[in-house]
C-alpha cells in the first residue's frame, strides 16, 4: 500500500493469518488515536486484503491517526484454512483484534485504545457480526465504516446509529434498494455516491474523503 506497509503472519484459530499493517507516519511523536481493522470482500470472488476499496479504507484510517490492519481471510494468500461462510472469519478477526491489543510498540495504551472496524462487501457482513460479538463481550467498537454493504447476500447485523454506510448508486452486485431495506428499520442514513458501481471505479477518492470528513462529527 505504501512504503510503511508491513506484511506479517500471526497465529489464528485455523492456523496462520496473513495481514498488512499500516501505521501513521508521525509515530511516535504523535500518539495513536486508535486501532482500525479492515475486512476485504468475498475471497471466493477474488477478494483479498489488497483490494482497492480495503486499501482506501486503510488510507482513511491512517490519515485519521489509527494503526490499521488488513488481514487476509481464510484460504487467501498465506492465510491458512478454508472459506467458512463468514463464521470462522469472525473468529479470525477477533484473534486479530486481540493481537492488535498486545502491540505496545505502537502505543503503551494499545490494550485500551478505541477500535474501529471497516468492511467492504462480504467484509461488511463479517464486520457487523464481529462488532456485535465485541459489544456482547462488553468491549464495543468505537465506530464502523461499511462500504458496499452486502445486505442482499448475507444476514448483515444491526449496527450503531453512528455507523458510516457508503454505497454506489449503480451497484449491480448489491442493489441500493436492499441496503435501504436493511437500513430503514434502524433509521440509519446511507451515503450514496452518484454513478458508483460496486467496486467504486474512479470513485475511491470519495470514499476516503467521506470517511475522514465524517469521522469527528
C-alpha atoms as a PDB file:
ATOM      1  CA  UNK A   1       0.000   0.000   0.000  1.00  0.00           C
ATOM      2  CA  UNK A   2       2.793   2.391   0.869  1.00  0.00           C
ATOM      3  CA  UNK A   3       6.419   2.359   1.889  1.00  0.00           C
ATOM      4  CA  UNK A   4       5.434   1.847   5.523  1.00  0.00           C
ATOM      5  CA  UNK A   5       3.227  -1.240   4.998  1.00  0.00           C
ATOM      6  CA  UNK A   6       4.393  -4.337   6.860  1.00  0.00           C
ATOM      7  CA  UNK A   7       3.192  -7.828   5.921  1.00  0.00           C
ATOM      8  CA  UNK A   8       3.133 -10.196   8.888  1.00  0.00           C
ATOM      9  CA  UNK A   9       1.763 -13.574   9.894  1.00  0.00           C
ATOM     10  CA  UNK A  10       0.147 -14.286  13.246  1.00  0.00           C
ATOM     11  CA  UNK A  11      -1.441 -17.362  14.804  1.00  0.00           C
ATOM     12  CA  UNK A  12      -5.186 -17.733  14.373  1.00  0.00           C
ATOM     13  CA  UNK A  13      -7.896 -20.272  15.206  1.00  0.00           C
ATOM     14  CA  UNK A  14      -7.387 -22.135  11.899  1.00  0.00           C
ATOM     15  CA  UNK A  15      -3.663 -21.523  11.537  1.00  0.00           C
ATOM     16  CA  UNK A  16      -1.654 -18.602  10.227  1.00  0.00           C
ATOM     17  CA  UNK A  17      -3.348 -15.294   9.432  1.00  0.00           C
ATOM     18  CA  UNK A  18      -1.520 -13.091   6.933  1.00  0.00           C
ATOM     19  CA  UNK A  19      -2.030  -9.392   7.455  1.00  0.00           C
ATOM     20  CA  UNK A  20      -0.805  -5.975   6.371  1.00  0.00           C
ATOM     21  CA  UNK A  21      -0.121  -3.261   8.939  1.00  0.00           C
ATOM     22  CA  UNK A  22      -0.147   0.444   8.133  1.00  0.00           C
ATOM     23  CA  UNK A  23       0.924   2.952  10.761  1.00  0.00           C
ATOM     24  CA  UNK A  24       0.673   6.746  10.724  1.00  0.00           C
ATOM     25  CA  UNK A  25       4.000   8.226   9.635  1.00  0.00           C
ATOM     26  CA  UNK A  26       4.241  10.617  12.580  1.00  0.00           C
ATOM     27  CA  UNK A  27       4.580   7.890  15.219  1.00  0.00           C
ATOM     28  CA  UNK A  28       5.775   8.056  17.935  1.00  0.00           C
ATOM     29  CA  UNK A  29       5.836  11.870  18.060  1.00  0.00           C
ATOM     30  CA  UNK A  30       2.048  11.977  17.691  1.00  0.00           C
ATOM     31  CA  UNK A  31       0.265   9.275  19.719  1.00  0.00           C
ATOM     32  CA  UNK A  32      -2.164   6.904  18.040  1.00  0.00           C
ATOM     33  CA  UNK A  33      -5.821   7.878  18.175  1.00  0.00           C
ATOM     34  CA  UNK A  34      -6.917   4.279  17.922  1.00  0.00           C
ATOM     35  CA  UNK A  35      -6.782   0.929  16.154  1.00  0.00           C
ATOM     36  CA  UNK A  36      -8.614   0.017  12.956  1.00  0.00           C
ATOM     37  CA  UNK A  37      -9.343  -3.358  11.374  1.00  0.00           C
ATOM     38  CA  UNK A  38     -10.396  -3.542   7.713  1.00  0.00           C
ATOM     39  CA  UNK A  39     -12.138  -6.606   6.217  1.00  0.00           C
ATOM     40  CA  UNK A  40     -11.914  -7.371   2.495  1.00  0.00           C
ATOM     41  CA  UNK A  41     -14.545  -8.615   0.005  1.00  0.00           C
ATOM     42  CA  UNK A  42     -15.516 -12.217  -0.749  1.00  0.00           C
ATOM     43  CA  UNK A  43     -12.471 -14.497  -1.054  1.00  0.00           C
ATOM     44  CA  UNK A  44     -14.159 -16.862  -3.496  1.00  0.00           C
ATOM     45  CA  UNK A  45     -14.572 -13.986  -5.955  1.00  0.00           C
ATOM     46  CA  UNK A  46     -11.033 -12.646  -5.796  1.00  0.00           C
ATOM     47  CA  UNK A  47     -11.275 -10.612  -2.595  1.00  0.00           C
ATOM     48  CA  UNK A  48      -8.008 -10.000  -0.722  1.00  0.00           C
ATOM     49  CA  UNK A  49      -6.550  -7.592   1.800  1.00  0.00           C
ATOM     50  CA  UNK A  50      -5.076  -5.677  -1.142  1.00  0.00           C
ATOM     51  CA  UNK A  51      -8.462  -4.926  -2.684  1.00  0.00           C
ATOM     52  CA  UNK A  52      -8.578  -1.245  -3.693  1.00  0.00           C
ATOM     53  CA  UNK A  53     -11.576  -0.397  -1.516  1.00  0.00           C
ATOM     54  CA  UNK A  54      -9.983  -2.104   1.505  1.00  0.00           C
ATOM     55  CA  UNK A  55      -6.784  -0.162   0.873  1.00  0.00           C
ATOM     56  CA  UNK A  56      -8.761   3.066   0.548  1.00  0.00           C
ATOM     57  CA  UNK A  57     -10.403   2.466   3.914  1.00  0.00           C
ATOM     58  CA  UNK A  58      -6.973   1.784   5.401  1.00  0.00           C
ATOM     59  CA  UNK A  59      -5.642   5.058   3.994  1.00  0.00           C
ATOM     60  CA  UNK A  60      -8.545   6.927   5.558  1.00  0.00           C
ATOM     61  CA  UNK A  61      -7.934   5.377   8.975  1.00  0.00           C
ATOM     62  CA  UNK A  62      -4.188   6.016   8.796  1.00  0.00           C
ATOM     63  CA  UNK A  63      -4.844   9.657   7.927  1.00  0.00           C
ATOM     64  CA  UNK A  64      -7.095   9.830  10.994  1.00  0.00           C
ATOM     65  CA  UNK A  65      -4.238   8.559  13.169  1.00  0.00           C
ATOM     66  CA  UNK A  66      -5.199   4.887  13.532  1.00  0.00           C
ATOM     67  CA  UNK A  67      -2.875   1.891  13.369  1.00  0.00           C
ATOM     68  CA  UNK A  68      -4.618  -0.117  10.664  1.00  0.00           C
ATOM     69  CA  UNK A  69      -4.575  -3.845   9.946  1.00  0.00           C
ATOM     70  CA  UNK A  70      -5.904  -5.634   6.846  1.00  0.00           C
ATOM     71  CA  UNK A  71      -5.939  -9.430   7.273  1.00  0.00           C
ATOM     72  CA  UNK A  72      -6.485 -11.983   4.522  1.00  0.00           C
ATOM     73  CA  UNK A  73      -9.470 -14.206   5.182  1.00  0.00           C
ATOM     74  CA  UNK A  74      -9.138 -17.981   5.361  1.00  0.00           C
ATOM     75  CA  UNK A  75      -7.641 -19.583   2.278  1.00  0.00           C
ATOM     76  CA  UNK A  76      -6.439 -16.277   0.818  1.00  0.00           C
ATOM     77  CA  UNK A  77      -2.750 -15.607   0.265  1.00  0.00           C
ATOM     78  CA  UNK A  78      -0.725 -17.049   3.136  1.00  0.00           C
ATOM     79  CA  UNK A  79      -3.710 -17.334   5.488  1.00  0.00           C
ATOM     80  CA  UNK A  80      -4.443 -20.933   6.448  1.00  0.00           C
ATOM     81  CA  UNK A  81      -7.788 -22.699   6.362  1.00  0.00           C
ATOM     82  CA  UNK A  82     -10.758 -22.744   4.007  1.00  0.00           C
ATOM     83  CA  UNK A  83     -13.581 -20.304   3.413  1.00  0.00           C
ATOM     84  CA  UNK A  84     -16.149 -20.662   6.222  1.00  0.00           C
ATOM     85  CA  UNK A  85     -19.044 -18.506   5.006  1.00  0.00           C
ATOM     86  CA  UNK A  86     -18.240 -15.719   7.450  1.00  0.00           C
ATOM     87  CA  UNK A  87     -18.400 -17.805  10.635  1.00  0.00           C
ATOM     88  CA  UNK A  88     -14.775 -18.800  11.158  1.00  0.00           C
ATOM     89  CA  UNK A  89     -13.818 -15.481   9.611  1.00  0.00           C
ATOM     90  CA  UNK A  90     -15.392 -13.733  12.610  1.00  0.00           C
ATOM     91  CA  UNK A  91     -13.210 -15.780  14.944  1.00  0.00           C
ATOM     92  CA  UNK A  92     -10.155 -14.823  12.903  1.00  0.00           C
ATOM     93  CA  UNK A  93     -10.928 -11.099  13.095  1.00  0.00           C
ATOM     94  CA  UNK A  94     -11.408 -11.372  16.846  1.00  0.00           C
ATOM     95  CA  UNK A  95      -7.991 -13.050  17.062  1.00  0.00           C
ATOM     96  CA  UNK A  96      -6.504 -10.165  15.079  1.00  0.00           C
ATOM     97  CA  UNK A  97      -8.130  -7.674  17.464  1.00  0.00           C
ATOM     98  CA  UNK A  98      -6.584  -9.496  20.425  1.00  0.00           C
ATOM     99  CA  UNK A  99      -3.188  -9.367  18.700  1.00  0.00           C
ATOM    100  CA  UNK A 100      -3.552  -5.649  17.984  1.00  0.00           C
ATOM    101  CA  UNK A 101      -4.322  -5.027  21.646  1.00  0.00           C
ATOM    102  CA  UNK A 102      -0.922  -6.505  22.525  1.00  0.00           C
ATOM    103  CA  UNK A 103       1.127  -4.226  20.261  1.00  0.00           C
ATOM    104  CA  UNK A 104       2.691  -1.951  22.861  1.00  0.00           C
ATOM    105  CA  UNK A 105       5.354  -0.929  20.332  1.00  0.00           C
ATOM    106  CA  UNK A 106       2.592   1.027  18.600  1.00  0.00           C
ATOM    107  CA  UNK A 107       1.260   2.508  21.828  1.00  0.00           C
ATOM    108  CA  UNK A 108       1.666   1.829  25.516  1.00  0.00           C
ATOM    109  CA  UNK A 109      -2.143   2.092  25.652  1.00  0.00           C
ATOM    110  CA  UNK A 110      -2.803  -0.391  22.831  1.00  0.00           C
ATOM    111  CA  UNK A 111      -4.942  -2.534  25.106  1.00  0.00           C
ATOM    112  CA  UNK A 112      -7.417   0.286  25.706  1.00  0.00           C
ATOM    113  CA  UNK A 113      -7.306   2.378  22.528  1.00  0.00           C
ATOM    114  CA  UNK A 114     -10.595   2.865  20.635  1.00  0.00           C
ATOM    115  CA  UNK A 115     -11.190   0.231  17.957  1.00  0.00           C
ATOM    116  CA  UNK A 116     -12.785   0.987  14.599  1.00  0.00           C
ATOM    117  CA  UNK A 117     -13.954  -1.591  12.071  1.00  0.00           C
ATOM    118  CA  UNK A 118     -14.200  -1.147   8.320  1.00  0.00           C
ATOM    119  CA  UNK A 119     -15.567  -3.621   5.826  1.00  0.00           C
ATOM    120  CA  UNK A 120     -16.275  -3.838   2.113  1.00  0.00           C
ATOM    121  CA  UNK A 121     -18.982  -6.112   0.660  1.00  0.00           C
ATOM    122  CA  UNK A 122     -18.532  -9.574   2.288  1.00  0.00           C
ATOM    123  CA  UNK A 123     -16.190  -7.832   4.732  1.00  0.00           C
ATOM    124  CA  UNK A 124     -19.022  -5.547   5.807  1.00  0.00           C
ATOM    125  CA  UNK A 125     -21.149  -8.573   6.712  1.00  0.00           C
ATOM    126  CA  UNK A 126     -18.348 -10.117   8.776  1.00  0.00           C
ATOM    127  CA  UNK A 127     -17.513  -6.804  10.442  1.00  0.00           C
ATOM    128  CA  UNK A 128     -21.070  -6.202  11.652  1.00  0.00           C
ATOM    129  CA  UNK A 129     -21.115  -9.575  13.408  1.00  0.00           C
ATOM    130  CA  UNK A 130     -17.672  -9.006  14.929  1.00  0.00           C
ATOM    131  CA  UNK A 131     -18.937  -5.666  16.245  1.00  0.00           C
ATOM    132  CA  UNK A 132     -21.975  -7.403  17.719  1.00  0.00           C
ATOM    133  CA  UNK A 133     -19.826 -10.017  19.439  1.00  0.00           C
ATOM    134  CA  UNK A 134     -17.485  -7.381  20.855  1.00  0.00           C
ATOM    135  CA  UNK A 135     -20.453  -5.405  22.183  1.00  0.00           C
ATOM    136  CA  UNK A 136     -21.878  -8.541  23.802  1.00  0.00           C
ATOM    137  CA  UNK A 137     -18.476  -9.083  25.444  1.00  0.00           C
ATOM    138  CA  UNK A 138     -18.591  -5.586  26.945  1.00  0.00           C
ATOM    139  CA  UNK A 139     -15.942  -4.128  24.612  1.00  0.00           C
ATOM    140  CA  UNK A 140     -17.899  -2.261  21.929  1.00  0.00           C
ATOM    141  CA  UNK A 141     -16.125  -0.757  18.949  1.00  0.00           C
ATOM    142  CA  UNK A 142     -15.801   2.983  18.612  1.00  0.00           C
ATOM    143  CA  UNK A 143     -17.348   3.085  15.139  1.00  0.00           C
ATOM    144  CA  UNK A 144     -17.950   1.116  11.942  1.00  0.00           C
ATOM    145  CA  UNK A 145     -17.488   2.034   8.296  1.00  0.00           C
ATOM    146  CA  UNK A 146     -19.383  -0.177   5.825  1.00  0.00           C
ATOM    147  CA  UNK A 147     -18.881   0.128   2.080  1.00  0.00           C
ATOM    148  CA  UNK A 148     -20.937  -1.810  -0.449  1.00  0.00           C
ATOM    149  CA  UNK A 149     -22.845  -3.363   2.453  1.00  0.00           C
ATOM    150  CA  UNK A 150     -23.807  -6.883   1.378  1.00  0.00           C
ATOM    151  CA  UNK A 151     -27.374  -6.690   2.627  1.00  0.00           C
ATOM    152  CA  UNK A 152     -28.877  -8.667  -0.261  1.00  0.00           C
ATOM    153  CA  UNK A 153     -26.451 -11.583   0.063  1.00  0.00           C
ATOM    154  CA  UNK A 154     -25.887 -12.243   3.781  1.00  0.00           C
ATOM    155  CA  UNK A 155     -27.593 -11.505   7.070  1.00  0.00           C
ATOM    156  CA  UNK A 156     -25.852  -8.263   7.954  1.00  0.00           C
ATOM    157  CA  UNK A 157     -26.242  -7.487  11.669  1.00  0.00           C
ATOM    158  CA  UNK A 158     -27.774  -4.306  13.012  1.00  0.00           C
ATOM    159  CA  UNK A 159     -25.237  -1.584  13.754  1.00  0.00           C
ATOM    160  CA  UNK A 160     -24.897   1.507  15.965  1.00  0.00           C
ATOM    161  CA  UNK A 161     -26.549   4.738  14.835  1.00  0.00           C
ATOM    162  CA  UNK A 162     -23.241   6.480  14.078  1.00  0.00           C
ATOM    163  CA  UNK A 163     -22.111   3.829  11.575  1.00  0.00           C
ATOM    164  CA  UNK A 164     -20.890   5.290   8.277  1.00  0.00           C
ATOM    165  CA  UNK A 165     -22.610   3.460   5.407  1.00  0.00           C
ATOM    166  CA  UNK A 166     -21.424   4.216   1.858  1.00  0.00           C
ATOM    167  CA  UNK A 167     -22.952   2.679  -1.265  1.00  0.00           C
ATOM    168  CA  UNK A 168     -22.761   3.114  -5.009  1.00  0.00           C
ATOM    169  CA  UNK A 169     -25.801   4.385  -6.873  1.00  0.00           C
ATOM    170  CA  UNK A 170     -25.226   1.924  -9.722  1.00  0.00           C
ATOM    171  CA  UNK A 171     -24.174  -1.106  -7.677  1.00  0.00           C
ATOM    172  CA  UNK A 172     -25.422  -4.147  -9.612  1.00  0.00           C
ATOM    173  CA  UNK A 173     -23.899  -6.649  -7.162  1.00  0.00           C
ATOM    174  CA  UNK A 174     -25.722  -5.379  -4.068  1.00  0.00           C
ATOM    175  CA  UNK A 175     -28.709  -3.289  -5.180  1.00  0.00           C
ATOM    176  CA  UNK A 176     -29.050   0.027  -3.386  1.00  0.00           C
ATOM    177  CA  UNK A 177     -32.681  -0.822  -2.583  1.00  0.00           C
ATOM    178  CA  UNK A 178     -31.575  -3.797  -0.472  1.00  0.00           C
ATOM    179  CA  UNK A 179     -29.289  -1.572   1.570  1.00  0.00           C
ATOM    180  CA  UNK A 180     -32.158   0.853   2.144  1.00  0.00           C
ATOM    181  CA  UNK A 181     -34.346  -2.085   3.245  1.00  0.00           C
ATOM    182  CA  UNK A 182     -31.677  -3.081   5.790  1.00  0.00           C
ATOM    183  CA  UNK A 183     -31.033   0.486   6.970  1.00  0.00           C
ATOM    184  CA  UNK A 184     -34.639   1.709   7.106  1.00  0.00           C
ATOM    185  CA  UNK A 185     -35.764  -0.142  10.283  1.00  0.00           C
ATOM    186  CA  UNK A 186     -32.614   1.128  12.022  1.00  0.00           C
ATOM    187  CA  UNK A 187     -33.243   4.727  10.861  1.00  0.00           C
ATOM    188  CA  UNK A 188     -29.678   4.549   9.578  1.00  0.00           C
ATOM    189  CA  UNK A 189     -28.529   7.100   6.984  1.00  0.00           C
ATOM    190  CA  UNK A 190     -26.899   5.799   3.810  1.00  0.00           C
ATOM    191  CA  UNK A 191     -24.406   7.909   1.844  1.00  0.00           C
ATOM    192  CA  UNK A 192     -24.904   7.295  -1.874  1.00  0.00           C
ATOM    193  CA  UNK A 193     -22.111   8.069  -4.335  1.00  0.00           C
ATOM    194  CA  UNK A 194     -23.727   9.009  -7.672  1.00  0.00           C
ATOM    195  CA  UNK A 195     -22.561   6.934 -10.613  1.00  0.00           C
ATOM    196  CA  UNK A 196     -20.533   4.498  -8.500  1.00  0.00           C
ATOM    197  CA  UNK A 197     -20.619   0.761  -9.150  1.00  0.00           C
ATOM    198  CA  UNK A 198     -19.930  -1.962  -6.585  1.00  0.00           C
ATOM    199  CA  UNK A 199     -16.163  -1.561  -6.855  1.00  0.00           C
ATOM    200  CA  UNK A 200     -16.236   2.253  -6.919  1.00  0.00           C
ATOM    201  CA  UNK A 201     -14.150   2.570 -10.075  1.00  0.00           C
ATOM    202  CA  UNK A 202     -12.847   6.146 -10.280  1.00  0.00           C
ATOM    203  CA  UNK A 203     -14.712   6.971  -7.054  1.00  0.00           C
ATOM    204  CA  UNK A 204     -12.264   5.658  -4.433  1.00  0.00           C
ATOM    205  CA  UNK A 205     -11.109   9.162  -3.503  1.00  0.00           C
ATOM    206  CA  UNK A 206     -14.677   9.971  -2.490  1.00  0.00           C
ATOM    207  CA  UNK A 207     -14.774   7.072  -0.015  1.00  0.00           C
ATOM    208  CA  UNK A 208     -11.649   8.324   1.718  1.00  0.00           C
ATOM    209  CA  UNK A 209     -12.898  11.905   1.723  1.00  0.00           C
ATOM    210  CA  UNK A 210     -16.286  10.930   3.149  1.00  0.00           C
ATOM    211  CA  UNK A 211     -14.808   8.841   5.968  1.00  0.00           C
ATOM    212  CA  UNK A 212     -12.237  11.438   7.003  1.00  0.00           C
ATOM    213  CA  UNK A 213     -14.742  14.295   6.882  1.00  0.00           C
ATOM    214  CA  UNK A 214     -17.430  12.411   8.809  1.00  0.00           C
ATOM    215  CA  UNK A 215     -15.240  10.880  11.487  1.00  0.00           C
ATOM    216  CA  UNK A 216     -15.192  13.631  14.088  1.00  0.00           C
ATOM    217  CA  UNK A 217     -18.705  14.912  13.522  1.00  0.00           C
END
